[in-house]
Amino acid sequence: MPGLIVWKTQYINRLKRDMDRMFDTMWGEFAPSQSPRIRERMPFIDLTETKNNLILKAEVPGVGPDDIEIDITDKILTIKGEARREIIEEEENSHRIERSYGSFSRSIQLPCRVIIDDIKAVFKNGILKITMPKCSPETARKIKIEVK
């Protein structure tokens, strides 16, 4: 009987590790407050698709439009930037500092190719909105085979 108990314990421990790993992965995606994403200042995004465009909205509070860089290569969009810390006056004493500062970078794989020359980016109230016109879908071509 003790052998059976050891087997159950090992199985339960392995199941617990697998479930912990699964929840860690989920928390990283869906509950950013539990994730190191906050410390890394990765902007949170919404990526939506319309008939003609991909629209990405990124939260970048405390960052000015001059401190943001957008790069796109193939189907990867990268947003880089830096949140700069305000200068504290000499007579001010900080009791709590929770806002984070520093550089950030986030790369997102797009679901389709976009027309790079027609991309538009607008920054308003801490939200960066990038509108990317989609390329027309590639159509299949039939190739005639010659018989010689």
N, C-alpha and C. Protein backbone atom coordinates (compact mmCIF):
# COMPACT_ATOMS: atom_id res chain seq x y z
N MET A 1 0.80 -1.21 0.00
CA MET A 1 0.00 0.00 0.00
C MET A 1 0.85 1.28 0.00
N PRO A 2 1.99 1.34 0.70
CA PRO A 2 2.80 2.56 0.67
C PRO A 2 3.26 2.91 -0.74
N GLY A 3 3.54 1.91 -1.59
CA GLY A 3 3.93 2.19 -2.96
C GLY A 3 2.86 2.94 -3.72
N LEU A 4 1.62 2.59 -3.45
CA LEU A 4 0.49 3.26 -4.10
C LEU A 4 0.40 4.71 -3.65
N ILE A 5 0.63 4.96 -2.38
CA ILE A 5 0.57 6.32 -1.84
C ILE A 5 1.68 7.17 -2.46
N VAL A 6 2.90 6.64 -2.60
CA VAL A 6 4.01 7.38 -3.21
C VAL A 6 3.66 7.72 -4.66
N TRP A 7 3.11 6.75 -5.38
CA TRP A 7 2.74 7.00 -6.76
C TRP A 7 1.72 8.12 -6.84
N LYS A 8 0.70 8.10 -5.98
CA LYS A 8 -0.32 9.15 -5.99
C LYS A 8 0.31 10.50 -5.67
N THR A 9 1.23 10.55 -4.70
CA THR A 9 1.88 11.80 -4.34
C THR A 9 2.69 12.35 -5.51
N GLN A 10 3.44 11.47 -6.18
CA GLN A 10 4.22 11.91 -7.33
C GLN A 10 3.31 12.42 -8.43
N TYR A 11 2.24 11.71 -8.69
CA TYR A 11 1.30 12.12 -9.73
C TYR A 11 0.67 13.47 -9.38
N ILE A 12 0.28 13.63 -8.14
CA ILE A 12 -0.35 14.89 -7.72
C ILE A 12 0.65 16.03 -7.79
N ASN A 13 1.91 15.78 -7.38
CA ASN A 13 2.93 16.83 -7.46
C ASN A 13 3.18 17.24 -8.91
N ARG A 14 3.26 16.27 -9.81
CA ARG A 14 3.47 16.57 -11.23
C ARG A 14 2.28 17.35 -11.79
N LEU A 15 1.07 16.94 -11.42
CA LEU A 15 -0.13 17.65 -11.85
C LEU A 15 -0.13 19.08 -11.33
N LYS A 16 0.26 19.26 -10.08
CA LYS A 16 0.32 20.61 -9.48
C LYS A 16 1.33 21.49 -10.24
N ARG A 17 2.52 20.93 -10.55
CA ARG A 17 3.52 21.70 -11.31
C ARG A 17 2.99 22.10 -12.68
N ASP A 18 2.32 21.15 -13.35
CA ASP A 18 1.76 21.44 -14.67
C ASP A 18 0.69 22.52 -14.59
N MET A 19 -0.15 22.44 -13.57
CA MET A 19 -1.21 23.46 -13.42
C MET A 19 -0.61 24.81 -13.06
N ASP A 20 0.41 24.82 -12.19
CA ASP A 20 1.09 26.08 -11.85
C ASP A 20 1.68 26.72 -13.09
N ARG A 21 2.33 25.92 -13.93
CA ARG A 21 2.92 26.42 -15.17
C ARG A 21 1.82 26.99 -16.08
N MET A 22 0.69 26.28 -16.17
CA MET A 22 -0.40 26.75 -17.01
C MET A 22 -0.96 28.09 -16.50
N PHE A 23 -1.16 28.20 -15.18
CA PHE A 23 -1.69 29.45 -14.64
C PHE A 23 -0.69 30.58 -14.77
N ASP A 24 0.60 30.29 -14.60
CA ASP A 24 1.62 31.33 -14.79
C ASP A 24 1.56 31.87 -16.20
N THR A 25 1.38 30.99 -17.17
CA THR A 25 1.26 31.42 -18.57
C THR A 25 0.01 32.28 -18.75
N MET A 26 -1.11 31.84 -18.20
CA MET A 26 -2.36 32.60 -18.33
C MET A 26 -2.25 33.95 -17.65
N TRP A 27 -1.69 34.00 -16.45
CA TRP A 27 -1.58 35.28 -15.76
C TRP A 27 -0.73 36.25 -16.55
N GLY A 28 0.30 35.75 -17.19
CA GLY A 28 1.16 36.61 -17.99
C GLY A 28 0.40 37.26 -19.13
N GLU A 29 -0.59 36.55 -19.70
CA GLU A 29 -1.36 37.08 -20.82
C GLU A 29 -2.56 37.91 -20.37
N PHE A 30 -3.29 37.43 -19.36
CA PHE A 30 -4.59 38.03 -19.06
C PHE A 30 -4.67 38.82 -17.78
N ALA A 31 -3.73 38.69 -16.90
CA ALA A 31 -3.77 39.44 -15.65
C ALA A 31 -2.42 40.12 -15.43
N PRO A 32 -2.18 41.19 -16.16
CA PRO A 32 -0.87 41.81 -16.13
C PRO A 32 -0.43 42.28 -14.75
N SER A 33 -1.37 42.51 -13.83
CA SER A 33 -0.96 42.97 -12.51
C SER A 33 -0.15 41.91 -11.78
N GLN A 34 -0.27 40.64 -12.16
CA GLN A 34 0.49 39.57 -11.55
C GLN A 34 1.77 39.27 -12.33
N SER A 35 1.98 39.97 -13.40
CA SER A 35 3.05 39.63 -14.34
C SER A 35 4.22 40.59 -14.23
N PRO A 36 5.43 40.13 -14.59
CA PRO A 36 6.57 41.05 -14.63
C PRO A 36 6.45 42.08 -15.74
N ARG A 37 5.40 41.99 -16.56
CA ARG A 37 5.19 42.94 -17.66
C ARG A 37 5.16 44.37 -17.12
N ILE A 38 4.58 44.58 -15.94
CA ILE A 38 4.51 45.92 -15.37
C ILE A 38 5.92 46.46 -15.13
N ARG A 39 6.79 45.65 -14.56
CA ARG A 39 8.15 46.11 -14.29
C ARG A 39 8.89 46.41 -15.58
N GLU A 40 8.57 45.70 -16.64
CA GLU A 40 9.25 45.90 -17.90
C GLU A 40 8.64 47.03 -18.73
N ARG A 41 7.54 47.59 -18.28
CA ARG A 41 6.83 48.68 -18.96
C ARG A 41 6.41 48.30 -20.37
N MET A 42 5.98 47.08 -20.58
CA MET A 42 5.48 46.71 -21.90
C MET A 42 4.09 47.31 -22.07
N PRO A 43 3.86 48.04 -23.14
CA PRO A 43 2.53 48.65 -23.30
C PRO A 43 1.47 47.57 -23.56
N PHE A 44 0.30 47.78 -23.00
CA PHE A 44 -0.83 46.89 -23.23
C PHE A 44 -1.47 47.28 -24.55
N ILE A 45 -1.89 46.31 -25.31
CA ILE A 45 -2.40 46.60 -26.65
C ILE A 45 -3.75 45.96 -26.91
N ASP A 46 -4.46 46.53 -27.88
CA ASP A 46 -5.64 45.93 -28.50
C ASP A 46 -5.34 45.89 -29.98
N LEU A 47 -5.50 44.74 -30.61
CA LEU A 47 -5.30 44.62 -32.05
C LEU A 47 -6.61 44.15 -32.64
N THR A 48 -7.21 44.99 -33.50
CA THR A 48 -8.48 44.65 -34.12
C THR A 48 -8.31 44.68 -35.64
N GLU A 49 -9.26 44.06 -36.31
CA GLU A 49 -9.19 43.98 -37.77
C GLU A 49 -10.53 44.38 -38.35
N THR A 50 -10.47 45.23 -39.37
CA THR A 50 -11.66 45.58 -40.14
C THR A 50 -11.49 44.96 -41.52
N LYS A 51 -12.40 45.27 -42.41
CA LYS A 51 -12.31 44.71 -43.76
C LYS A 51 -11.01 45.14 -44.45
N ASN A 52 -10.60 46.39 -44.26
CA ASN A 52 -9.45 46.93 -44.98
C ASN A 52 -8.21 47.21 -44.12
N ASN A 53 -8.36 47.23 -42.79
CA ASN A 53 -7.26 47.67 -41.93
C ASN A 53 -7.04 46.76 -40.73
N LEU A 54 -5.81 46.81 -40.22
CA LEU A 54 -5.51 46.33 -38.88
C LEU A 54 -5.36 47.59 -38.03
N ILE A 55 -5.94 47.58 -36.84
CA ILE A 55 -5.86 48.75 -35.96
C ILE A 55 -5.29 48.30 -34.63
N LEU A 56 -4.17 48.90 -34.26
CA LEU A 56 -3.54 48.59 -32.99
C LEU A 56 -3.63 49.81 -32.10
N LYS A 57 -4.09 49.61 -30.88
CA LYS A 57 -4.11 50.68 -29.88
C LYS A 57 -3.23 50.22 -28.73
N ALA A 58 -2.30 51.08 -28.34
CA ALA A 58 -1.36 50.76 -27.26
C ALA A 58 -1.44 51.82 -26.18
N GLU A 59 -1.48 51.38 -24.92
CA GLU A 59 -1.45 52.30 -23.79
C GLU A 59 -0.01 52.69 -23.52
N VAL A 60 0.29 53.97 -23.62
CA VAL A 60 1.63 54.46 -23.31
C VAL A 60 1.54 55.73 -22.47
N PRO A 61 0.95 55.61 -21.26
CA PRO A 61 0.80 56.81 -20.43
C PRO A 61 2.16 57.33 -19.96
N GLY A 62 2.26 58.63 -19.87
CA GLY A 62 3.50 59.24 -19.40
C GLY A 62 4.61 59.27 -20.43
N VAL A 63 4.30 58.91 -21.66
CA VAL A 63 5.29 58.90 -22.73
C VAL A 63 4.83 59.90 -23.78
N GLY A 64 5.73 60.74 -24.22
CA GLY A 64 5.40 61.71 -25.26
C GLY A 64 5.56 61.08 -26.64
N PRO A 65 4.88 61.64 -27.65
CA PRO A 65 4.98 61.09 -29.00
C PRO A 65 6.41 61.12 -29.55
N ASP A 66 7.23 62.05 -29.09
CA ASP A 66 8.62 62.11 -29.56
C ASP A 66 9.47 61.00 -28.95
N ASP A 67 8.97 60.35 -27.89
CA ASP A 67 9.71 59.29 -27.22
C ASP A 67 9.27 57.90 -27.66
N ILE A 68 8.48 57.82 -28.74
CA ILE A 68 7.98 56.54 -29.24
C ILE A 68 8.54 56.30 -30.64
N GLU A 69 8.95 55.06 -30.88
CA GLU A 69 9.45 54.66 -32.20
C GLU A 69 8.66 53.43 -32.64
N ILE A 70 8.21 53.45 -33.89
CA ILE A 70 7.45 52.32 -34.45
C ILE A 70 8.22 51.77 -35.64
N ASP A 71 8.47 50.46 -35.61
CA ASP A 71 9.16 49.78 -36.71
C ASP A 71 8.28 48.63 -37.18
N ILE A 72 8.32 48.37 -38.48
CA ILE A 72 7.60 47.21 -39.00
C ILE A 72 8.47 46.53 -40.05
N THR A 73 8.60 45.22 -39.89
CA THR A 73 9.36 44.40 -40.81
C THR A 73 8.56 43.14 -41.06
N ASP A 74 8.32 42.85 -42.31
CA ASP A 74 7.53 41.67 -42.68
C ASP A 74 6.18 41.75 -41.96
N LYS A 75 5.89 40.84 -41.07
CA LYS A 75 4.62 40.87 -40.34
C LYS A 75 4.84 41.12 -38.84
N ILE A 76 5.95 41.78 -38.48
CA ILE A 76 6.25 42.06 -37.07
C ILE A 76 6.26 43.57 -36.86
N LEU A 77 5.41 44.04 -35.94
CA LEU A 77 5.35 45.45 -35.57
C LEU A 77 6.03 45.60 -34.21
N THR A 78 6.95 46.55 -34.09
CA THR A 78 7.65 46.79 -32.83
C THR A 78 7.41 48.22 -32.40
N ILE A 79 7.03 48.37 -31.14
CA ILE A 79 6.85 49.69 -30.53
C ILE A 79 7.92 49.82 -29.45
N LYS A 80 8.72 50.88 -29.55
CA LYS A 80 9.77 51.15 -28.55
C LYS A 80 9.55 52.54 -28.01
N GLY A 81 9.98 52.76 -26.79
CA GLY A 81 9.85 54.09 -26.23
C GLY A 81 10.51 54.19 -24.88
N GLU A 82 10.34 55.36 -24.28
CA GLU A 82 10.91 55.59 -22.96
C GLU A 82 10.03 56.56 -22.18
N ALA A 83 9.69 56.16 -20.95
CA ALA A 83 8.98 57.05 -20.02
C ALA A 83 10.03 57.68 -19.15
N ARG A 84 10.09 58.99 -19.18
CA ARG A 84 11.12 59.71 -18.43
C ARG A 84 10.56 60.16 -17.08
N ARG A 85 11.41 60.09 -16.09
CA ARG A 85 11.02 60.49 -14.74
C ARG A 85 11.07 62.01 -14.62
N GLU A 86 10.07 62.54 -13.94
CA GLU A 86 10.04 63.98 -13.72
C GLU A 86 11.11 64.36 -12.70
N ILE A 87 11.60 65.55 -12.83
CA ILE A 87 12.61 66.04 -11.88
C ILE A 87 11.91 66.40 -10.58
N ILE A 88 12.41 65.83 -9.48
CA ILE A 88 11.82 66.10 -8.17
C ILE A 88 12.48 67.35 -7.59
N GLU A 89 11.64 68.25 -7.13
CA GLU A 89 12.16 69.48 -6.52
C GLU A 89 12.93 69.14 -5.25
N GLU A 90 13.90 69.94 -4.94
CA GLU A 90 14.78 69.66 -3.80
C GLU A 90 14.02 69.60 -2.48
N GLU A 91 12.97 70.44 -2.33
CA GLU A 91 12.25 70.47 -1.06
C GLU A 91 11.15 69.39 -0.98
N GLU A 92 10.98 68.61 -2.04
CA GLU A 92 9.97 67.54 -2.02
C GLU A 92 10.55 66.26 -1.43
N ASN A 93 9.74 65.58 -0.62
CA ASN A 93 10.11 64.27 -0.08
C ASN A 93 9.10 63.26 -0.59
N SER A 94 9.59 62.21 -1.19
CA SER A 94 8.69 61.18 -1.71
C SER A 94 8.31 60.22 -0.60
N HIS A 95 7.01 59.93 -0.51
CA HIS A 95 6.52 58.95 0.45
C HIS A 95 6.20 57.63 -0.24
N ARG A 96 5.89 57.72 -1.52
CA ARG A 96 5.56 56.51 -2.27
C ARG A 96 5.76 56.80 -3.75
N ILE A 97 6.44 55.90 -4.43
CA ILE A 97 6.63 56.04 -5.87
C ILE A 97 6.22 54.70 -6.50
N GLU A 98 5.10 54.70 -7.22
CA GLU A 98 4.60 53.48 -7.85
C GLU A 98 4.67 53.54 -9.37
N ARG A 99 4.74 54.73 -9.92
CA ARG A 99 4.83 54.84 -11.37
C ARG A 99 6.18 54.33 -11.82
N SER A 100 6.20 53.64 -12.94
CA SER A 100 7.47 53.10 -13.42
C SER A 100 8.00 53.96 -14.56
N TYR A 101 9.31 53.94 -14.68
CA TYR A 101 10.00 54.75 -15.68
C TYR A 101 11.00 53.88 -16.39
N GLY A 102 11.43 54.33 -17.55
CA GLY A 102 12.46 53.61 -18.28
C GLY A 102 12.01 53.24 -19.68
N SER A 103 12.84 52.48 -20.36
CA SER A 103 12.56 52.10 -21.74
C SER A 103 11.66 50.89 -21.79
N PHE A 104 10.98 50.76 -22.92
CA PHE A 104 10.15 49.59 -23.15
C PHE A 104 10.21 49.23 -24.63
N SER A 105 9.86 48.01 -24.91
CA SER A 105 9.80 47.53 -26.29
C SER A 105 8.79 46.40 -26.34
N ARG A 106 7.98 46.39 -27.37
CA ARG A 106 6.98 45.33 -27.53
C ARG A 106 6.89 45.00 -29.01
N SER A 107 7.01 43.73 -29.34
CA SER A 107 6.87 43.27 -30.73
C SER A 107 5.63 42.41 -30.84
N ILE A 108 4.86 42.64 -31.90
CA ILE A 108 3.61 41.93 -32.12
C ILE A 108 3.62 41.35 -33.51
N GLN A 109 3.29 40.07 -33.62
CA GLN A 109 3.16 39.47 -34.95
C GLN A 109 1.77 39.80 -35.48
N LEU A 110 1.73 40.38 -36.66
CA LEU A 110 0.47 40.75 -37.28
C LEU A 110 -0.13 39.55 -38.00
N PRO A 111 -1.46 39.48 -38.08
CA PRO A 111 -2.10 38.33 -38.72
C PRO A 111 -1.99 38.31 -40.23
N CYS A 112 -1.60 39.44 -40.82
CA CYS A 112 -1.46 39.50 -42.28
C CYS A 112 -0.46 40.60 -42.63
N ARG A 113 -0.08 40.64 -43.89
CA ARG A 113 0.83 41.70 -44.36
C ARG A 113 0.05 43.01 -44.49
N VAL A 114 0.80 44.12 -44.32
CA VAL A 114 0.19 45.45 -44.42
C VAL A 114 0.97 46.29 -45.42
N ILE A 115 0.33 47.36 -45.90
CA ILE A 115 0.98 48.28 -46.83
C ILE A 115 1.76 49.28 -45.99
N ILE A 116 3.06 49.10 -45.91
CA ILE A 116 3.91 49.88 -45.00
C ILE A 116 3.86 51.37 -45.29
N ASP A 117 3.83 51.76 -46.54
CA ASP A 117 3.86 53.18 -46.90
C ASP A 117 2.59 53.93 -46.49
N ASP A 118 1.50 53.22 -46.21
CA ASP A 118 0.23 53.87 -45.88
C ASP A 118 -0.14 53.77 -44.40
N ILE A 119 0.78 53.34 -43.57
CA ILE A 119 0.50 53.23 -42.13
C ILE A 119 0.40 54.62 -41.53
N LYS A 120 -0.59 54.81 -40.65
CA LYS A 120 -0.77 56.09 -39.96
C LYS A 120 -0.78 55.84 -38.45
N ALA A 121 -0.10 56.73 -37.71
CA ALA A 121 -0.06 56.63 -36.25
C ALA A 121 -0.53 57.95 -35.66
N VAL A 122 -1.43 57.85 -34.67
CA VAL A 122 -1.98 59.02 -33.99
C VAL A 122 -1.80 58.81 -32.50
N PHE A 123 -1.39 59.85 -31.80
CA PHE A 123 -1.18 59.78 -30.35
C PHE A 123 -2.13 60.76 -29.67
N LYS A 124 -2.98 60.25 -28.77
CA LYS A 124 -3.93 61.13 -28.08
C LYS A 124 -4.23 60.56 -26.70
N ASN A 125 -4.09 61.39 -25.68
CA ASN A 125 -4.42 61.03 -24.30
C ASN A 125 -3.74 59.74 -23.82
N GLY A 126 -2.48 59.56 -24.18
CA GLY A 126 -1.74 58.39 -23.73
C GLY A 126 -2.02 57.11 -24.50
N ILE A 127 -2.80 57.21 -25.57
CA ILE A 127 -3.12 56.05 -26.40
C ILE A 127 -2.50 56.27 -27.78
N LEU A 128 -1.70 55.31 -28.21
CA LEU A 128 -1.13 55.32 -29.55
C LEU A 128 -2.01 54.45 -30.43
N LYS A 129 -2.54 55.03 -31.51
CA LYS A 129 -3.40 54.29 -32.44
C LYS A 129 -2.68 54.19 -33.77
N ILE A 130 -2.44 52.95 -34.21
CA ILE A 130 -1.75 52.70 -35.47
C ILE A 130 -2.74 52.02 -36.42
N THR A 131 -3.01 52.68 -37.55
CA THR A 131 -3.90 52.11 -38.56
C THR A 131 -3.05 51.62 -39.72
N MET A 132 -3.19 50.32 -40.02
CA MET A 132 -2.36 49.68 -41.03
C MET A 132 -3.24 49.07 -42.12
N PRO A 133 -3.24 49.64 -43.33
CA PRO A 133 -4.02 49.05 -44.42
C PRO A 133 -3.49 47.66 -44.77
N LYS A 134 -4.40 46.72 -44.92
CA LYS A 134 -4.01 45.34 -45.24
C LYS A 134 -3.70 45.21 -46.72
N CYS A 135 -2.74 44.34 -47.03
CA CYS A 135 -2.45 44.01 -48.42
C CYS A 135 -3.59 43.14 -48.93
N SER A 136 -3.83 43.23 -50.23
CA SER A 136 -4.86 42.36 -50.78
C SER A 136 -4.39 40.92 -50.65
N PRO A 137 -5.31 40.02 -50.35
CA PRO A 137 -4.90 38.63 -50.18
C PRO A 137 -4.35 38.06 -51.48
N GLU A 138 -3.33 37.25 -51.32
CA GLU A 138 -2.74 36.63 -52.50
C GLU A 138 -3.71 35.58 -53.03
N THR A 139 -3.91 35.63 -54.33
CA THR A 139 -4.81 34.65 -54.93
C THR A 139 -3.99 33.51 -55.52
N ALA A 140 -4.57 32.35 -55.51
CA ALA A 140 -3.87 31.19 -56.06
C ALA A 140 -3.83 31.31 -57.58
N ARG A 141 -2.72 30.89 -58.14
CA ARG A 141 -2.59 30.92 -59.59
C ARG A 141 -2.45 29.49 -60.10
N LYS A 142 -3.05 29.26 -61.24
CA LYS A 142 -2.90 27.95 -61.86
C LYS A 142 -1.75 28.05 -62.85
N ILE A 143 -0.93 27.05 -62.86
CA ILE A 143 0.21 27.00 -63.75
C ILE A 143 0.02 25.83 -64.69
N LYS A 144 0.07 26.16 -65.96
CA LYS A 144 -0.12 25.12 -66.97
C LYS A 144 1.18 24.34 -67.14
N ILE A 145 1.07 23.04 -67.18
CA ILE A 145 2.24 22.18 -67.32
C ILE A 145 2.37 21.79 -68.79
N GLU A 146 3.53 22.08 -69.32
CA GLU A 146 3.78 21.70 -70.73
C GLU A 146 4.27 20.27 -70.79
N VAL A 147 3.80 19.54 -71.77
CA VAL A 147 4.24 18.18 -71.99
C VAL A 147 5.14 18.18 -73.21
N LYS A 148 6.35 17.66 -73.07
CA LYS A 148 7.32 17.65 -74.17
C LYS A 148 7.60 16.26 -74.61
